[in-house]
């Protein structure tokens, strides 16, 4: 997968992205279309698998 490559050199893209999100330079809130607790994960996976909900990113909230 193209976005699963981790390279520390010449720079750490994952760390750069996390820092940009944390600082507010990179806004990602609109990408999160579902938020569920741990008890809702199974149901969310079912809805996504059955194409019953439009989604971009799901997030488990603790």
PDB file of N, CA and C in Angstrom:
ATOM      1  N   UNK A   1       0.840  -1.175   0.000  1.00  0.00           N
ATOM      2  CA  UNK A   1       0.000   0.000   0.000  1.00  0.00           C
ATOM      3  C   UNK A   1       0.883   1.236   0.000  1.00  0.00           C
ATOM      4  N   UNK A   2       0.507   2.231  -0.790  1.00  0.00           N
ATOM      5  CA  UNK A   2       1.364   3.387  -0.964  1.00  0.00           C
ATOM      6  C   UNK A   2       1.536   4.210   0.301  1.00  0.00           C
ATOM      7  N   UNK A   3       0.531   4.280   1.159  1.00  0.00           N
ATOM      8  CA  UNK A   3       0.654   5.137   2.334  1.00  0.00           C
ATOM      9  C   UNK A   3       1.146   4.386   3.564  1.00  0.00           C
ATOM     10  N   UNK A   4       1.577   3.165   3.383  1.00  0.00           N
ATOM     11  CA  UNK A   4       2.065   2.381   4.514  1.00  0.00           C
ATOM     12  C   UNK A   4       3.588   2.334   4.574  1.00  0.00           C
ATOM     13  N   UNK A   5       4.240   3.054   3.685  1.00  0.00           N
ATOM     14  CA  UNK A   5       5.701   3.053   3.666  1.00  0.00           C
ATOM     15  C   UNK A   5       6.201   4.035   4.721  1.00  0.00           C
ATOM     16  N   UNK A   6       7.075   3.569   5.559  1.00  0.00           N
ATOM     17  CA  UNK A   6       7.643   4.414   6.608  1.00  0.00           C
ATOM     18  C   UNK A   6       9.108   4.624   6.303  1.00  0.00           C
ATOM     19  N   UNK A   7       9.490   5.875   6.141  1.00  0.00           N
ATOM     20  CA  UNK A   7      10.895   6.215   5.928  1.00  0.00           C
ATOM     21  C   UNK A   7      11.277   7.284   6.933  1.00  0.00           C
ATOM     22  N   UNK A   8      12.325   7.038   7.640  1.00  0.00           N
ATOM     23  CA  UNK A   8      12.791   8.031   8.598  1.00  0.00           C
ATOM     24  C   UNK A   8      13.657   9.079   7.902  1.00  0.00           C
ATOM     25  N   UNK A   9      14.290   8.692   6.816  1.00  0.00           N
ATOM     26  CA  UNK A   9      15.174   9.613   6.100  1.00  0.00           C
ATOM     27  C   UNK A   9      14.681   9.775   4.681  1.00  0.00           C
ATOM     28  N   UNK A  10      14.630  10.921   4.057  1.00  0.00           N
ATOM     29  CA  UNK A  10      15.219  12.156   4.544  1.00  0.00           C
ATOM     30  C   UNK A  10      14.401  12.822   5.647  1.00  0.00           C
ATOM     31  N   UNK A  11      13.141  12.449   5.807  1.00  0.00           N
ATOM     32  CA  UNK A  11      12.365  12.931   6.953  1.00  0.00           C
ATOM     33  C   UNK A  11      11.244  11.939   7.240  1.00  0.00           C
ATOM     34  N   UNK A  12      10.656  12.069   8.392  1.00  0.00           N
ATOM     35  CA  UNK A  12       9.609  11.154   8.853  1.00  0.00           C
ATOM     36  C   UNK A  12       8.239  11.740   8.498  1.00  0.00           C
ATOM     37  N   UNK A  13       7.630  11.247   7.401  1.00  0.00           N
ATOM     38  CA  UNK A  13       6.360  11.789   6.930  1.00  0.00           C
ATOM     39  C   UNK A  13       5.249  11.630   7.955  1.00  0.00           C
ATOM     40  N   UNK A  14       5.234  10.508   8.684  1.00  0.00           N
ATOM     41  CA  UNK A  14       4.189  10.275   9.678  1.00  0.00           C
ATOM     42  C   UNK A  14       4.290  11.296  10.808  1.00  0.00           C
ATOM     43  N   UNK A  15       5.505  11.565  11.258  1.00  0.00           N
ATOM     44  CA  UNK A  15       5.708  12.539  12.324  1.00  0.00           C
ATOM     45  C   UNK A  15       5.365  13.954  11.836  1.00  0.00           C
ATOM     46  N   UNK A  16       5.709  14.252  10.590  1.00  0.00           N
ATOM     47  CA  UNK A  16       5.363  15.551  10.015  1.00  0.00           C
ATOM     48  C   UNK A  16       3.845  15.728   9.963  1.00  0.00           C
ATOM     49  N   UNK A  17       3.132  14.701   9.522  1.00  0.00           N
ATOM     50  CA  UNK A  17       1.673  14.781   9.424  1.00  0.00           C
ATOM     51  C   UNK A  17       1.043  14.930  10.805  1.00  0.00           C
ATOM     52  N   UNK A  18       1.511  14.161  11.778  1.00  0.00           N
ATOM     53  CA  UNK A  18       0.967  14.254  13.138  1.00  0.00           C
ATOM     54  C   UNK A  18       1.192  15.642  13.721  1.00  0.00           C
ATOM     55  N   UNK A  19       2.363  16.212  13.485  1.00  0.00           N
ATOM     56  CA  UNK A  19       2.656  17.550  13.992  1.00  0.00           C
ATOM     57  C   UNK A  19       1.768  18.595  13.313  1.00  0.00           C
ATOM     58  N   UNK A  20       1.527  18.442  12.014  1.00  0.00           N
ATOM     59  CA  UNK A  20       0.668  19.385  11.294  1.00  0.00           C
ATOM     60  C   UNK A  20      -0.770  19.301  11.789  1.00  0.00           C
ATOM     61  N   UNK A  21      -1.249  18.104  12.080  1.00  0.00           N
ATOM     62  CA  UNK A  21      -2.600  17.941  12.622  1.00  0.00           C
ATOM     63  C   UNK A  21      -2.681  18.567  14.006  1.00  0.00           C
ATOM     64  N   UNK A  22      -1.709  18.265  14.843  1.00  0.00           N
ATOM     65  CA  UNK A  22      -1.714  18.775  16.221  1.00  0.00           C
ATOM     66  C   UNK A  22      -1.636  20.303  16.258  1.00  0.00           C
ATOM     67  N   UNK A  23      -0.878  20.897  15.361  1.00  0.00           N
ATOM     68  CA  UNK A  23      -0.721  22.353  15.354  1.00  0.00           C
ATOM     69  C   UNK A  23      -1.910  23.068  14.714  1.00  0.00           C
ATOM     70  N   UNK A  24      -2.754  22.317  14.014  1.00  0.00           N
ATOM     71  CA  UNK A  24      -3.895  22.929  13.342  1.00  0.00           C
ATOM     72  C   UNK A  24      -3.605  23.345  11.913  1.00  0.00           C
ATOM     73  N   UNK A  25      -2.383  23.140  11.443  1.00  0.00           N
ATOM     74  CA  UNK A  25      -2.040  23.473  10.056  1.00  0.00           C
ATOM     75  C   UNK A  25      -2.745  22.553   9.068  1.00  0.00           C
ATOM     76  N   UNK A  26      -3.014  21.333   9.483  1.00  0.00           N
ATOM     77  CA  UNK A  26      -3.698  20.353   8.639  1.00  0.00           C
ATOM     78  C   UNK A  26      -5.027  20.017   9.299  1.00  0.00           C
ATOM     79  N   UNK A  27      -6.115  20.374   8.652  1.00  0.00           N
ATOM     80  CA  UNK A  27      -7.463  20.139   9.186  1.00  0.00           C
ATOM     81  C   UNK A  27      -7.967  18.793   8.666  1.00  0.00           C
ATOM     82  N   UNK A  28      -8.342  17.910   9.574  1.00  0.00           N
ATOM     83  CA  UNK A  28      -8.807  16.583   9.155  1.00  0.00           C
ATOM     84  C   UNK A  28     -10.212  16.263   9.666  1.00  0.00           C
ATOM     85  N   UNK A  29     -10.807  17.180  10.406  1.00  0.00           N
ATOM     86  CA  UNK A  29     -12.115  16.924  10.997  1.00  0.00           C
ATOM     87  C   UNK A  29     -13.185  16.554   9.994  1.00  0.00           C
ATOM     88  N   UNK A  30     -13.181  17.177   8.814  1.00  0.00           N
ATOM     89  CA  UNK A  30     -14.196  16.874   7.810  1.00  0.00           C
ATOM     90  C   UNK A  30     -14.044  15.477   7.214  1.00  0.00           C
ATOM     91  N   UNK A  31     -12.865  14.881   7.372  1.00  0.00           N
ATOM     92  CA  UNK A  31     -12.650  13.533   6.837  1.00  0.00           C
ATOM     93  C   UNK A  31     -13.287  12.468   7.716  1.00  0.00           C
ATOM     94  N   UNK A  32     -13.508  12.776   8.983  1.00  0.00           N
ATOM     95  CA  UNK A  32     -14.075  11.802   9.918  1.00  0.00           C
ATOM     96  C   UNK A  32     -15.591  11.861   9.803  1.00  0.00           C
ATOM     97  N   UNK A  33     -16.160  10.801   9.240  1.00  0.00           N
ATOM     98  CA  UNK A  33     -17.607  10.787   9.002  1.00  0.00           C
ATOM     99  C   UNK A  33     -18.375  10.009  10.057  1.00  0.00           C
ATOM    100  N   UNK A  34     -17.722   9.157  10.812  1.00  0.00           N
ATOM    101  CA  UNK A  34     -18.362   8.406  11.888  1.00  0.00           C
ATOM    102  C   UNK A  34     -17.463   8.373  13.111  1.00  0.00           C
ATOM    103  N   UNK A  35     -18.075   8.550  14.268  1.00  0.00           N
ATOM    104  CA  UNK A  35     -17.378   8.386  15.541  1.00  0.00           C
ATOM    105  C   UNK A  35     -18.210   7.446  16.391  1.00  0.00           C
ATOM    106  N   UNK A  36     -17.587   6.394  16.886  1.00  0.00           N
ATOM    107  CA  UNK A  36     -18.293   5.423  17.729  1.00  0.00           C
ATOM    108  C   UNK A  36     -17.406   5.045  18.907  1.00  0.00           C
ATOM    109  N   UNK A  37     -18.034   4.587  19.961  1.00  0.00           N
ATOM    110  CA  UNK A  37     -17.303   4.004  21.072  1.00  0.00           C
ATOM    111  C   UNK A  37     -16.952   2.571  20.734  1.00  0.00           C
ATOM    112  N   UNK A  38     -16.198   1.934  21.603  1.00  0.00           N
ATOM    113  CA  UNK A  38     -15.771   0.559  21.336  1.00  0.00           C
ATOM    114  C   UNK A  38     -16.961  -0.381  21.153  1.00  0.00           C
ATOM    115  N   UNK A  39     -18.059  -0.092  21.860  1.00  0.00           N
ATOM    116  CA  UNK A  39     -19.237  -0.949  21.742  1.00  0.00           C
ATOM    117  C   UNK A  39     -19.922  -0.801  20.390  1.00  0.00           C
ATOM    118  N   UNK A  40     -19.649   0.280  19.657  1.00  0.00           N
ATOM    119  CA  UNK A  40     -20.277   0.501  18.363  1.00  0.00           C
ATOM    120  C   UNK A  40     -19.451   0.076  17.171  1.00  0.00           C
ATOM    121  N   UNK A  41     -18.233  -0.405  17.397  1.00  0.00           N
ATOM    122  CA  UNK A  41     -17.351  -0.760  16.282  1.00  0.00           C
ATOM    123  C   UNK A  41     -17.923  -1.864  15.396  1.00  0.00           C
ATOM    124  N   UNK A  42     -18.392  -2.911  15.993  1.00  0.00           N
ATOM    125  CA  UNK A  42     -18.908  -4.032  15.216  1.00  0.00           C
ATOM    126  C   UNK A  42     -20.074  -3.591  14.326  1.00  0.00           C
ATOM    127  N   UNK A  43     -20.976  -2.812  14.898  1.00  0.00           N
ATOM    128  CA  UNK A  43     -22.112  -2.329  14.125  1.00  0.00           C
ATOM    129  C   UNK A  43     -21.683  -1.412  12.990  1.00  0.00           C
ATOM    130  N   UNK A  44     -20.688  -0.559  13.244  1.00  0.00           N
ATOM    131  CA  UNK A  44     -20.190   0.328  12.201  1.00  0.00           C
ATOM    132  C   UNK A  44     -19.546  -0.472  11.080  1.00  0.00           C
ATOM    133  N   UNK A  45     -18.747  -1.477  11.421  1.00  0.00           N
ATOM    134  CA  UNK A  45     -18.138  -2.323  10.395  1.00  0.00           C
ATOM    135  C   UNK A  45     -19.211  -2.994   9.551  1.00  0.00           C
ATOM    136  N   UNK A  46     -20.275  -3.459  10.197  1.00  0.00           N
ATOM    137  CA  UNK A  46     -21.366  -4.088   9.458  1.00  0.00           C
ATOM    138  C   UNK A  46     -22.010  -3.104   8.487  1.00  0.00           C
ATOM    139  N   UNK A  47     -22.294  -1.879   8.952  1.00  0.00           N
ATOM    140  CA  UNK A  47     -22.919  -0.872   8.091  1.00  0.00           C
ATOM    141  C   UNK A  47     -22.034  -0.532   6.888  1.00  0.00           C
ATOM    142  N   UNK A  48     -20.729  -0.414   7.131  1.00  0.00           N
ATOM    143  CA  UNK A  48     -19.797  -0.106   6.045  1.00  0.00           C
ATOM    144  C   UNK A  48     -19.729  -1.271   5.078  1.00  0.00           C
ATOM    145  N   UNK A  49     -19.616  -2.483   5.586  1.00  0.00           N
ATOM    146  CA  UNK A  49     -19.523  -3.673   4.739  1.00  0.00           C
ATOM    147  C   UNK A  49     -20.772  -3.849   3.883  1.00  0.00           C
ATOM    148  N   UNK A  50     -21.923  -3.542   4.438  1.00  0.00           N
ATOM    149  CA  UNK A  50     -23.192  -3.705   3.728  1.00  0.00           C
ATOM    150  C   UNK A  50     -23.550  -2.474   2.892  1.00  0.00           C
ATOM    151  N   UNK A  51     -22.646  -1.508   2.818  1.00  0.00           N
ATOM    152  CA  UNK A  51     -22.861  -0.262   2.074  1.00  0.00           C
ATOM    153  C   UNK A  51     -24.135   0.460   2.494  1.00  0.00           C
ATOM    154  N   UNK A  52     -24.419   0.453   3.779  1.00  0.00           N
ATOM    155  CA  UNK A  52     -25.606   1.116   4.299  1.00  0.00           C
ATOM    156  C   UNK A  52     -25.308   2.507   4.827  1.00  0.00           C
ATOM    157  N   UNK A  53     -24.044   2.889   4.819  1.00  0.00           N
ATOM    158  CA  UNK A  53     -23.665   4.212   5.303  1.00  0.00           C
ATOM    159  C   UNK A  53     -22.512   4.726   4.441  1.00  0.00           C
ATOM    160  N   UNK A  54     -22.586   6.001   4.086  1.00  0.00           N
ATOM    161  CA  UNK A  54     -21.499   6.625   3.346  1.00  0.00           C
ATOM    162  C   UNK A  54     -20.408   6.985   4.343  1.00  0.00           C
ATOM    163  N   UNK A  55     -19.174   6.629   4.034  1.00  0.00           N
ATOM    164  CA  UNK A  55     -18.111   6.906   5.000  1.00  0.00           C
ATOM    165  C   UNK A  55     -16.840   7.324   4.291  1.00  0.00           C
ATOM    166  N   UNK A  56     -16.039   8.056   5.012  1.00  0.00           N
ATOM    167  CA  UNK A  56     -14.682   8.391   4.572  1.00  0.00           C
ATOM    168  C   UNK A  56     -13.708   7.795   5.597  1.00  0.00           C
ATOM    169  N   UNK A  57     -13.852   8.210   6.851  1.00  0.00           N
ATOM    170  CA  UNK A  57     -13.023   7.688   7.939  1.00  0.00           C
ATOM    171  C   UNK A  57     -13.900   7.471   9.152  1.00  0.00           C
ATOM    172  N   UNK A  58     -13.728   6.352   9.783  1.00  0.00           N
ATOM    173  CA  UNK A  58     -14.382   6.077  11.048  1.00  0.00           C
ATOM    174  C   UNK A  58     -13.368   6.188  12.172  1.00  0.00           C
ATOM    175  N   UNK A  59     -13.829   6.632  13.341  1.00  0.00           N
ATOM    176  CA  UNK A  59     -12.913   6.812  14.461  1.00  0.00           C
ATOM    177  C   UNK A  59     -13.538   6.267  15.722  1.00  0.00           C
ATOM    178  N   UNK A  60     -12.779   5.472  16.467  1.00  0.00           N
ATOM    179  CA  UNK A  60     -13.250   4.998  17.765  1.00  0.00           C
ATOM    180  C   UNK A  60     -12.868   6.040  18.811  1.00  0.00           C
ATOM    181  N   UNK A  61     -13.843   6.478  19.550  1.00  0.00           N
ATOM    182  CA  UNK A  61     -13.638   7.489  20.577  1.00  0.00           C
ATOM    183  C   UNK A  61     -13.700   6.814  21.918  1.00  0.00           C
ATOM    184  N   UNK A  62     -12.678   7.031  22.728  1.00  0.00           N
ATOM    185  CA  UNK A  62     -12.642   6.416  24.065  1.00  0.00           C
ATOM    186  C   UNK A  62     -13.099   7.423  25.082  1.00  0.00           C
TER     187      UNK A  62
END
